[in-house]
Amino acid sequence: MCSIPPRPWQLLVISAQTESELKTATVNLTDYLRQHRDLKLRDVAQKLQCEQQAFKYRRMVVCRDIEDAIVALTDPRRLLTNIQETQKRPVAFMFPGLGTQYVNMALELYQVEPLFRACVDYCCEFLKPLLGQDLREVIYPLGQQQQQLVSDNSQGLDLRKMLGRSQTPTDTTIVAATSLLNQTHLTQPAIFVIEYALAKLLISWGIHPAAMIGYSIGEYVAATIAEVLSLDEGLRLIAARAQMIQKLPRGAMLAVPLSLTEISPLLNDKLSLSAVNGSSMGVIAGEIEAIEVLERKLTQKGLACRRLETSHAFHSQMMTGASTDLCKLVRTFNLQAPKIPYISNVTGTWITASEATNPDYWVKHLCQAVLFAPGIQVLWKQQYPILLEVGPGQTLGSFAMQCLENNPAVSQLILPSLRYSYDKKPDLAFLLKTLGRLWLAGVEIDWAGFYAQDSRDYLSLSV
């Protein structure tokens, strides 16, 4: 195994009892760094995190080195500030499903976070004989020497990638790898592995989910984190399920701006409700020709429909061909009652112990619609949590924001953990910003856990 390099990004946190004290502390820290440019930013960050008392007025910034910190601390566009109210909110994990995966997702975390890498390595080694493929070669096709994601130029959005323009030789490799990753029998295990590893990393930093909700494959991650399935069982199940689906007839899926009431009359023996993502956001799945006819019909009515990039009609009656084999496999597992509450895709409310441990439930989960919108509303009304999307992109955050649109403050409580594919921000900087925002919101970070893989002494700093 190659050695783990140090984190190239650091999270600075500042806290004070009043707004004026916070401003003074920021200025004092900036002046101190100007006078001590030979310091290691990692030592400064750890001192602030571990020895500073957390008061009501809080500020955070993510930066690269001492010089970058001096600039960032005087840049209001990079500084994030919050007044922490006395009420602490729980955190709920949201695990996305297929559609947002991309080659090199979480590459920098794999490079610099030992726990994340250990989880990915274990899962991929376990899956090797089941898939006949090392998933690491699929997710990270250029190997671990691909350092451009941690370079100084990795900022902003890649417009060329967003628009699909001219490709370099590296891009050609990525296109081929993307085609491979998007094969169902590899996509589903890949999503599972990355989301599981990311969840374990966050938990090690003290971000413990009070509740969870998964979307399609994401529910398998939630069930594994909740210990309904052991990790080995979760990996076996997700690999077998994906291979079963791969053998089924191909299908199509169409996102439609319609309510459940408006969708129902459109359904028949060739078209099924596949997902309820919002009050007027649904997905219909079925046979390719039937979806094409429906798309033309709705488009002619002026409705903005969107075909999803999928090979099969997931969560539809076209999945029933895999139900018998899936049920047989699940019967071999030692399913347990969930240790962390999570929302069921099948019922749109809290899963019960009897459902989670019943093999028939997992067949229903395969063939029935994902009731995300009702589920997120139930989760929100009971706990009013910070919603943390644990996986690539921000699709579930977008869905949740629309489902909870009556609450204007909710956008501040929906956070991502991994960038979109076209976002060039470094993975670690992206995640540390979210960690900082959680701290701003009053979540207690386990800084000892954050530095568990790094036992080096740090300086005595007076600011």
Protein backbone atom coordinates (compact mmCIF):
# COMPACT_ATOMS: atom_id res chain seq x y z
CA MET A 1 0.00 0.00 0.00
CA CYS A 2 1.34 3.47 -0.84
CA SER A 3 1.94 5.91 1.99
CA ILE A 4 -0.73 8.41 2.94
CA PRO A 5 0.29 12.03 2.25
CA PRO A 6 -0.68 14.76 4.76
CA ARG A 7 -3.95 16.62 4.29
CA PRO A 8 -3.37 19.43 1.76
CA TRP A 9 -6.23 21.51 3.22
CA GLN A 10 -6.98 22.64 6.76
CA LEU A 11 -10.08 23.91 8.58
CA LEU A 12 -9.60 26.97 10.80
CA VAL A 13 -12.29 27.68 13.39
CA ILE A 14 -12.67 30.80 15.55
CA SER A 15 -15.14 31.30 18.37
CA ALA A 16 -16.02 34.21 20.68
CA GLN A 17 -18.71 35.38 23.10
CA THR A 18 -19.66 38.50 21.12
CA GLU A 19 -19.55 39.71 17.53
CA SER A 20 -16.90 42.31 18.30
CA GLU A 21 -14.72 39.72 20.05
CA LEU A 22 -15.04 37.46 17.02
CA LYS A 23 -13.82 40.24 14.73
CA THR A 24 -10.93 40.99 17.09
CA ALA A 25 -9.96 37.32 17.28
CA THR A 26 -9.95 37.09 13.49
CA VAL A 27 -7.71 40.13 13.17
CA ASN A 28 -5.40 38.85 15.92
CA LEU A 29 -5.06 35.44 14.25
CA THR A 30 -4.30 37.07 10.91
CA ASP A 31 -1.62 39.27 12.48
CA TYR A 32 -0.13 36.30 14.31
CA LEU A 33 0.18 34.31 11.09
CA ARG A 34 1.81 37.27 9.33
CA GLN A 35 4.42 37.35 12.09
CA HIS A 36 4.93 33.56 12.11
CA ARG A 37 4.93 32.56 8.45
CA ASP A 38 7.15 29.56 9.22
CA LEU A 39 4.35 27.79 11.12
CA LYS A 40 2.61 24.72 9.74
CA LEU A 41 -1.05 25.50 9.13
CA ARG A 42 -2.01 22.02 10.27
CA ASP A 43 -0.60 22.80 13.73
CA VAL A 44 -2.47 26.10 13.89
CA ALA A 45 -5.74 24.45 12.82
CA GLN A 46 -5.43 21.66 15.40
CA LYS A 47 -4.68 24.11 18.20
CA LEU A 48 -7.76 26.19 17.36
CA GLN A 49 -9.99 23.11 17.05
CA CYS A 50 -8.88 21.26 20.16
CA GLU A 51 -8.13 23.94 22.74
CA GLN A 52 -10.48 26.80 21.89
CA GLN A 53 -13.76 26.96 23.79
CA ALA A 54 -16.77 26.89 21.49
CA PHE A 55 -18.82 30.02 22.10
CA LYS A 56 -21.99 31.32 20.44
CA TYR A 57 -20.31 33.44 17.75
CA ARG A 58 -18.44 31.23 15.29
CA ARG A 59 -16.39 31.59 12.12
CA MET A 60 -14.62 29.10 9.85
CA VAL A 61 -12.50 29.03 6.72
CA VAL A 62 -10.77 26.31 4.70
CA CYS A 63 -7.29 27.09 3.43
CA ARG A 64 -4.15 25.51 2.05
CA ASP A 65 -1.18 27.00 3.88
CA ILE A 66 -0.16 29.98 6.03
CA GLU A 67 -0.09 32.42 3.10
CA ASP A 68 -3.49 31.23 1.89
CA ALA A 69 -4.84 31.54 5.44
CA ILE A 70 -3.69 35.17 5.68
CA VAL A 71 -5.57 35.93 2.47
CA ALA A 72 -8.65 33.90 3.40
CA LEU A 73 -9.04 35.47 6.84
CA THR A 74 -9.44 38.89 5.22
CA ASP A 75 -11.74 37.71 2.42
CA PRO A 76 -15.46 37.91 3.36
CA ARG A 77 -16.28 35.64 0.41
CA ARG A 78 -14.35 32.78 2.00
CA LEU A 79 -15.13 33.37 5.66
CA LEU A 80 -18.33 31.76 6.93
CA THR A 81 -19.83 33.11 10.16
CA ASN A 82 -22.79 31.99 12.25
CA ILE A 83 -24.44 32.77 15.57
CA GLN A 84 -25.08 29.39 17.16
CA GLU A 85 -28.46 29.19 18.88
CA THR A 86 -28.74 27.19 22.09
CA GLN A 87 -30.87 24.47 20.48
CA LYS A 88 -28.72 21.76 18.94
CA ARG A 89 -30.03 19.96 15.90
CA PRO A 90 -29.48 16.28 15.17
CA VAL A 91 -27.85 15.23 11.90
CA ALA A 92 -29.58 12.93 9.41
CA PHE A 93 -27.61 11.16 6.68
CA MET A 94 -29.11 11.08 3.18
CA PHE A 95 -27.62 8.42 0.87
CA PRO A 96 -28.21 9.06 -2.86
CA GLY A 97 -28.82 6.38 -5.47
CA LEU A 98 -27.69 6.00 -9.05
CA GLY A 99 -27.15 8.90 -11.42
CA THR A 100 -24.59 11.11 -9.71
CA GLN A 101 -21.67 8.65 -9.78
CA TYR A 102 -18.55 9.61 -11.72
CA VAL A 103 -15.04 8.39 -12.32
CA ASN A 104 -12.59 9.64 -9.63
CA MET A 105 -15.35 10.38 -7.12
CA ALA A 106 -13.73 11.05 -3.74
CA LEU A 107 -10.25 10.43 -5.19
CA GLU A 108 -8.55 12.95 -2.91
CA LEU A 109 -10.20 11.38 0.14
CA TYR A 110 -8.88 8.02 -1.01
CA GLN A 111 -5.43 9.57 -1.30
CA VAL A 112 -5.23 11.37 2.05
CA GLU A 113 -7.79 9.85 4.47
CA PRO A 114 -6.56 6.47 5.82
CA LEU A 115 -9.93 5.35 7.20
CA PHE A 116 -11.72 6.15 3.94
CA ARG A 117 -9.08 4.26 1.98
CA ALA A 118 -9.20 1.29 4.35
CA CYS A 119 -12.98 1.02 3.93
CA VAL A 120 -12.77 1.27 0.14
CA ASP A 121 -9.93 -1.25 0.00
CA TYR A 122 -11.75 -3.77 2.20
CA CYS A 123 -14.97 -3.50 0.20
CA CYS A 124 -13.23 -3.75 -3.16
CA GLU A 125 -11.13 -6.75 -2.10
CA PHE A 126 -14.28 -8.48 -0.82
CA LEU A 127 -16.13 -7.71 -4.07
CA LYS A 128 -13.32 -8.85 -6.39
CA PRO A 129 -14.40 -12.52 -6.68
CA LEU A 130 -18.07 -11.52 -6.78
CA LEU A 131 -17.66 -9.00 -9.60
CA GLY A 132 -14.64 -10.46 -11.37
CA GLN A 133 -13.30 -6.92 -11.28
CA ASP A 134 -11.38 -4.63 -8.93
CA LEU A 135 -13.74 -1.69 -8.45
CA ARG A 136 -10.79 0.56 -7.63
CA GLU A 137 -9.62 0.19 -11.21
CA VAL A 138 -13.08 1.23 -12.38
CA ILE A 139 -13.53 4.20 -10.03
CA TYR A 140 -9.90 5.38 -10.20
CA PRO A 141 -8.75 4.23 -13.67
CA LEU A 142 -5.62 6.42 -13.77
CA GLY A 143 -4.37 5.09 -10.45
CA GLN A 144 -3.37 7.00 -7.37
CA GLN A 145 -0.70 9.10 -9.03
CA GLN A 146 -3.42 11.30 -10.49
CA GLN A 147 -2.72 14.39 -8.41
CA GLN A 148 -4.48 17.09 -10.37
CA LEU A 149 -7.40 17.04 -7.97
CA VAL A 150 -5.20 18.37 -5.18
CA SER A 151 -3.42 20.98 -7.29
CA ASP A 152 -3.59 24.69 -6.64
CA ASN A 153 -5.64 25.19 -9.79
CA SER A 154 -8.49 22.96 -8.71
CA GLN A 155 -11.09 25.64 -8.12
CA GLY A 156 -14.49 26.52 -9.54
CA LEU A 157 -16.38 24.67 -12.26
CA ASP A 158 -15.05 22.88 -15.32
CA LEU A 159 -17.14 24.55 -18.03
CA ARG A 160 -15.64 22.35 -20.76
CA LYS A 161 -16.74 19.21 -18.91
CA MET A 162 -20.19 20.67 -18.19
CA LEU A 163 -20.66 21.35 -21.91
CA GLY A 164 -18.98 18.15 -23.11
CA ARG A 165 -16.40 19.92 -25.24
CA SER A 166 -12.99 18.91 -26.66
CA GLN A 167 -11.38 15.98 -24.90
CA THR A 168 -7.73 15.46 -24.01
CA PRO A 169 -6.14 11.97 -23.99
CA THR A 170 -6.85 11.84 -20.26
CA ASP A 171 -10.48 12.72 -20.99
CA THR A 172 -10.66 9.84 -23.47
CA THR A 173 -9.56 7.46 -20.73
CA ILE A 174 -12.16 8.95 -18.41
CA VAL A 175 -14.90 8.55 -21.04
CA ALA A 176 -14.06 4.86 -21.45
CA ALA A 177 -13.94 4.41 -17.68
CA THR A 178 -17.25 6.24 -17.29
CA SER A 179 -18.88 3.85 -19.75
CA LEU A 180 -17.62 0.93 -17.66
CA LEU A 181 -18.65 2.51 -14.35
CA ASN A 182 -22.15 3.13 -15.71
CA GLN A 183 -22.77 -0.58 -16.26
CA THR A 184 -25.39 -1.55 -13.70
CA HIS A 185 -23.47 -4.49 -12.23
CA LEU A 186 -20.60 -2.10 -11.35
CA THR A 187 -22.47 1.15 -10.70
CA GLN A 188 -24.48 -0.13 -7.76
CA PRO A 189 -21.54 -1.65 -5.83
CA ALA A 190 -19.42 1.44 -6.58
CA ILE A 191 -22.05 3.80 -5.15
CA PHE A 192 -22.43 1.55 -2.11
CA VAL A 193 -18.68 1.42 -1.44
CA ILE A 194 -18.07 5.17 -1.71
CA GLU A 195 -21.10 6.09 0.41
CA TYR A 196 -20.31 3.50 3.08
CA ALA A 197 -16.68 4.64 3.32
CA LEU A 198 -17.72 8.29 3.49
CA ALA A 199 -20.27 7.57 6.22
CA LYS A 200 -17.68 5.73 8.31
CA LEU A 201 -15.24 8.63 7.87
CA LEU A 202 -17.85 11.16 9.03
CA ILE A 203 -18.82 8.99 12.00
CA SER A 204 -15.15 8.76 13.01
CA TRP A 205 -15.11 12.58 13.08
CA GLY A 206 -18.02 12.60 15.53
CA ILE A 207 -20.82 13.14 13.00
CA HIS A 208 -23.21 10.46 14.25
CA PRO A 209 -26.52 10.23 12.39
CA ALA A 210 -29.61 10.41 14.58
CA ALA A 211 -31.58 9.13 11.58
CA MET A 212 -31.04 8.24 7.93
CA ILE A 213 -32.81 8.09 4.59
CA GLY A 214 -31.48 6.38 1.48
CA TYR A 215 -32.62 6.66 -2.11
CA SER A 216 -32.83 3.27 -3.84
CA ILE A 217 -29.31 1.81 -3.48
CA GLY A 218 -28.79 4.39 -0.75
CA GLU A 219 -31.19 2.49 1.51
CA TYR A 220 -28.81 -0.48 1.41
CA VAL A 221 -26.07 1.79 2.77
CA ALA A 222 -28.42 3.06 5.49
CA ALA A 223 -29.36 -0.52 6.40
CA THR A 224 -25.70 -1.51 6.65
CA ILE A 225 -24.77 1.53 8.78
CA ALA A 226 -27.79 0.66 10.97
CA GLU A 227 -26.47 -2.93 11.20
CA VAL A 228 -29.55 -4.54 9.68
CA LEU A 229 -26.98 -6.10 7.35
CA SER A 230 -23.37 -6.79 8.21
CA LEU A 231 -20.92 -5.12 5.84
CA ASP A 232 -20.14 -8.45 4.15
CA GLU A 233 -23.85 -9.18 3.74
CA GLY A 234 -24.46 -5.70 2.34
CA LEU A 235 -21.67 -6.18 -0.20
CA ARG A 236 -22.87 -9.65 -1.22
CA LEU A 237 -26.44 -8.40 -1.55
CA ILE A 238 -25.63 -5.29 -3.56
CA ALA A 239 -23.34 -7.20 -5.93
CA ALA A 240 -25.85 -9.99 -6.51
CA ARG A 241 -28.76 -7.58 -6.88
CA ALA A 242 -26.88 -5.56 -9.49
CA GLN A 243 -25.99 -8.70 -11.46
CA MET A 244 -29.59 -9.90 -11.33
CA ILE A 245 -30.81 -6.57 -12.71
CA GLN A 246 -28.12 -6.56 -15.41
CA LYS A 247 -29.66 -9.76 -16.84
CA LEU A 248 -33.18 -8.31 -17.00
CA PRO A 249 -34.67 -6.77 -20.17
CA ARG A 250 -33.55 -3.19 -20.71
CA GLY A 251 -35.93 -0.39 -19.85
CA ALA A 252 -36.17 3.38 -19.58
CA MET A 253 -37.07 6.02 -17.02
CA LEU A 254 -38.64 9.44 -17.43
CA ALA A 255 -38.67 12.28 -14.89
CA VAL A 256 -41.94 14.18 -15.13
CA PRO A 257 -43.13 17.46 -13.52
CA LEU A 258 -46.35 15.88 -12.31
CA SER A 259 -47.97 15.04 -8.98
CA LEU A 260 -48.83 11.49 -7.96
CA THR A 261 -52.49 12.20 -8.77
CA GLU A 262 -51.54 13.33 -12.28
CA ILE A 263 -49.20 10.40 -12.85
CA SER A 264 -51.62 7.63 -11.85
CA PRO A 265 -53.81 7.78 -15.03
CA LEU A 266 -50.67 7.40 -17.19
CA LEU A 267 -49.70 4.05 -15.70
CA ASN A 268 -50.47 0.67 -17.26
CA ASP A 269 -48.97 -2.80 -17.68
CA LYS A 270 -45.95 -1.27 -19.46
CA LEU A 271 -45.45 1.83 -17.30
CA SER A 272 -44.93 1.98 -13.52
CA LEU A 273 -44.49 4.71 -10.94
CA SER A 274 -40.79 4.54 -10.08
CA ALA A 275 -40.26 7.44 -7.67
CA VAL A 276 -41.98 10.32 -5.90
CA ASN A 277 -39.34 13.02 -5.47
CA GLY A 278 -41.54 16.01 -4.69
CA SER A 279 -45.07 17.36 -4.80
CA SER A 280 -44.77 17.73 -8.58
CA MET A 281 -41.69 15.62 -9.28
CA GLY A 282 -42.11 12.01 -10.24
CA VAL A 283 -40.39 9.30 -12.24
CA ILE A 284 -42.11 6.80 -14.52
CA ALA A 285 -40.30 3.64 -15.59
CA GLY A 286 -41.09 0.91 -18.07
CA GLU A 287 -40.51 -0.51 -21.51
CA ILE A 288 -38.40 1.69 -23.78
CA GLU A 289 -41.02 2.12 -26.51
CA ALA A 290 -43.74 2.92 -23.97
CA ILE A 291 -41.53 5.56 -22.33
CA GLU A 292 -40.74 7.09 -25.74
CA VAL A 293 -44.46 7.34 -26.56
CA LEU A 294 -45.20 8.90 -23.17
CA GLU A 295 -42.36 11.39 -23.52
CA ARG A 296 -43.67 12.59 -26.90
CA LYS A 297 -47.19 12.85 -25.54
CA LEU A 298 -46.19 14.91 -22.50
CA THR A 299 -43.76 17.08 -24.44
CA GLN A 300 -46.51 17.98 -26.91
CA LYS A 301 -48.50 19.21 -23.92
CA GLY A 302 -45.65 21.55 -23.04
CA LEU A 303 -44.34 19.56 -20.09
CA ALA A 304 -40.57 19.54 -19.52
CA CYS A 305 -39.79 15.83 -19.20
CA ARG A 306 -36.30 14.36 -18.90
CA ARG A 307 -35.06 10.90 -19.81
CA LEU A 308 -32.77 9.49 -17.13
CA GLU A 309 -29.43 7.94 -18.10
CA THR A 310 -30.26 4.39 -17.03
CA SER A 311 -30.06 0.95 -18.59
CA HIS A 312 -33.11 -0.50 -16.85
CA ALA A 313 -36.51 0.48 -15.50
CA PHE A 314 -35.58 0.50 -11.83
CA HIS A 315 -38.26 0.25 -9.15
CA SER A 316 -40.88 -0.94 -11.61
CA GLN A 317 -42.74 -4.12 -12.50
CA MET A 318 -39.87 -4.88 -14.93
CA MET A 319 -37.76 -5.80 -11.87
CA THR A 320 -40.00 -8.73 -10.86
CA GLY A 321 -37.87 -11.16 -12.84
CA ALA A 322 -35.16 -10.85 -10.18
CA SER A 323 -37.46 -11.07 -7.17
CA THR A 324 -37.28 -14.84 -6.55
CA ASP A 325 -33.47 -15.02 -6.62
CA LEU A 326 -33.16 -11.89 -4.51
CA CYS A 327 -35.52 -13.27 -1.88
CA LYS A 328 -33.60 -16.58 -1.75
CA LEU A 329 -30.34 -14.74 -1.16
CA VAL A 330 -31.71 -12.46 1.56
CA ARG A 331 -33.10 -15.52 3.39
CA THR A 332 -29.50 -16.66 3.92
CA PHE A 333 -28.65 -13.48 5.86
CA ASN A 334 -28.95 -12.86 9.59
CA LEU A 335 -30.98 -9.66 9.38
CA GLN A 336 -31.15 -7.56 12.55
CA ALA A 337 -33.42 -4.78 13.80
CA PRO A 338 -31.98 -1.36 12.88
CA LYS A 339 -29.80 0.26 15.57
CA ILE A 340 -30.25 3.68 13.95
CA PRO A 341 -33.75 4.70 12.75
CA TYR A 342 -34.11 5.23 9.02
CA ILE A 343 -36.86 5.95 6.52
CA SER A 344 -38.15 3.22 4.21
CA ASN A 345 -38.40 3.87 0.46
CA VAL A 346 -41.27 1.40 0.30
CA THR A 347 -43.57 2.96 2.93
CA GLY A 348 -42.31 6.54 3.04
CA THR A 349 -42.05 6.41 6.82
CA TRP A 350 -39.84 4.88 9.53
CA ILE A 351 -38.87 1.31 8.79
CA THR A 352 -39.96 -1.22 11.40
CA ALA A 353 -37.87 -4.09 12.73
CA SER A 354 -40.28 -6.59 11.19
CA GLU A 355 -39.94 -4.97 7.76
CA ALA A 356 -36.17 -4.65 7.85
CA THR A 357 -35.75 -8.32 8.80
CA ASN A 358 -38.28 -9.70 6.32
CA PRO A 359 -36.78 -10.89 2.98
CA ASP A 360 -40.06 -9.99 1.26
CA TYR A 361 -39.44 -6.34 2.15
CA TRP A 362 -36.29 -6.27 0.04
CA VAL A 363 -38.23 -7.67 -2.91
CA LYS A 364 -40.77 -4.86 -2.52
CA HIS A 365 -37.90 -2.40 -2.34
CA LEU A 366 -36.64 -3.73 -5.68
CA CYS A 367 -39.97 -3.58 -7.50
CA GLN A 368 -41.89 -0.70 -5.93
CA ALA A 369 -41.56 3.07 -6.19
CA VAL A 370 -39.12 5.11 -4.10
CA LEU A 371 -41.29 7.30 -1.86
CA PHE A 372 -38.60 9.88 -1.13
CA ALA A 373 -40.83 12.97 -0.82
CA PRO A 374 -43.16 11.49 1.82
CA GLY A 375 -40.15 10.05 3.61
CA ILE A 376 -38.17 13.28 3.84
CA GLN A 377 -41.27 15.08 5.13
CA VAL A 378 -41.74 12.50 7.88
CA LEU A 379 -38.06 12.74 8.82
CA TRP A 380 -38.15 16.52 8.88
CA LYS A 381 -41.34 16.86 10.92
CA GLN A 382 -40.14 14.51 13.64
CA GLN A 383 -36.55 15.66 14.10
CA TYR A 384 -35.95 18.93 12.15
CA PRO A 385 -32.41 17.68 11.50
CA ILE A 386 -29.48 18.99 9.56
CA LEU A 387 -29.70 16.97 6.33
CA LEU A 388 -26.25 15.77 5.27
CA GLU A 389 -26.03 14.18 1.82
CA VAL A 390 -23.47 11.38 2.10
CA GLY A 391 -22.47 10.63 -1.48
CA PRO A 392 -21.64 12.33 -4.77
CA GLY A 393 -23.51 15.45 -5.87
CA GLN A 394 -26.46 17.26 -4.32
CA THR A 395 -29.48 15.59 -5.91
CA LEU A 396 -31.18 14.59 -2.65
CA GLY A 397 -30.47 18.02 -1.18
CA SER A 398 -32.23 19.56 -4.17
CA PHE A 399 -35.20 17.21 -3.76
CA ALA A 400 -35.38 17.88 -0.04
CA MET A 401 -35.30 21.65 -0.53
CA GLN A 402 -38.29 21.44 -2.85
CA CYS A 403 -40.16 19.03 -0.56
CA LEU A 404 -39.63 21.38 2.41
CA GLU A 405 -40.12 24.63 0.49
CA ASN A 406 -42.44 26.10 3.10
CA ASN A 407 -39.49 26.54 5.45
CA PRO A 408 -37.24 29.38 4.25
CA ALA A 409 -34.40 28.45 6.65
CA VAL A 410 -34.13 24.86 5.45
CA SER A 411 -31.53 25.60 2.75
CA GLN A 412 -28.99 26.37 5.51
CA LEU A 413 -29.57 22.93 6.98
CA ILE A 414 -29.01 20.85 3.83
CA LEU A 415 -25.33 20.12 3.24
CA PRO A 416 -23.36 18.14 0.62
CA SER A 417 -20.28 16.02 1.24
CA LEU A 418 -18.92 15.28 -2.25
CA ARG A 419 -18.80 17.59 -5.26
CA TYR A 420 -20.56 17.09 -8.58
CA SER A 421 -18.35 15.66 -11.34
CA TYR A 422 -18.02 19.05 -13.08
CA ASP A 423 -17.09 20.90 -9.89
CA LYS A 424 -13.31 21.26 -9.77
CA LYS A 425 -13.05 22.00 -6.05
CA PRO A 426 -10.72 19.55 -4.30
CA ASP A 427 -12.61 16.78 -2.52
CA LEU A 428 -11.03 17.38 0.88
CA ALA A 429 -11.55 21.16 0.78
CA PHE A 430 -15.18 20.53 -0.21
CA LEU A 431 -15.72 18.11 2.69
CA LEU A 432 -13.90 20.28 5.23
CA LYS A 433 -16.12 23.22 4.33
CA THR A 434 -19.13 21.06 5.15
CA LEU A 435 -17.48 19.94 8.39
CA GLY A 436 -16.96 23.61 9.24
CA ARG A 437 -20.58 24.41 8.46
CA LEU A 438 -21.67 21.59 10.77
CA TRP A 439 -19.49 23.10 13.51
CA LEU A 440 -21.02 26.54 12.83
CA ALA A 441 -24.45 24.96 13.32
CA GLY A 442 -23.45 23.61 16.72
CA VAL A 443 -22.57 20.02 15.87
CA GLU A 444 -19.83 18.75 18.19
CA ILE A 445 -16.87 17.50 16.17
CA ASP A 446 -14.67 14.74 17.59
CA TRP A 447 -11.35 16.45 16.90
CA ALA A 448 -9.44 13.55 18.44
CA GLY A 449 -11.12 11.29 15.91
CA PHE A 450 -10.38 13.80 13.17
CA TYR A 451 -6.67 13.49 13.99
CA ALA A 452 -6.74 9.80 14.93
CA GLN A 453 -4.43 8.87 12.05
CA ASP A 454 -1.99 11.64 12.92
CA SER A 455 -0.39 11.51 16.35
CA ARG A 456 2.20 14.22 15.78
CA ASP A 457 2.58 16.84 18.48
CA TYR A 458 1.39 20.35 17.69
CA LEU A 459 2.58 23.77 18.75
CA SER A 460 1.58 25.90 21.69
CA LEU A 461 -0.27 28.84 20.15
CA SER A 462 -1.51 31.97 21.86
CA VAL A 463 -3.90 34.11 19.84
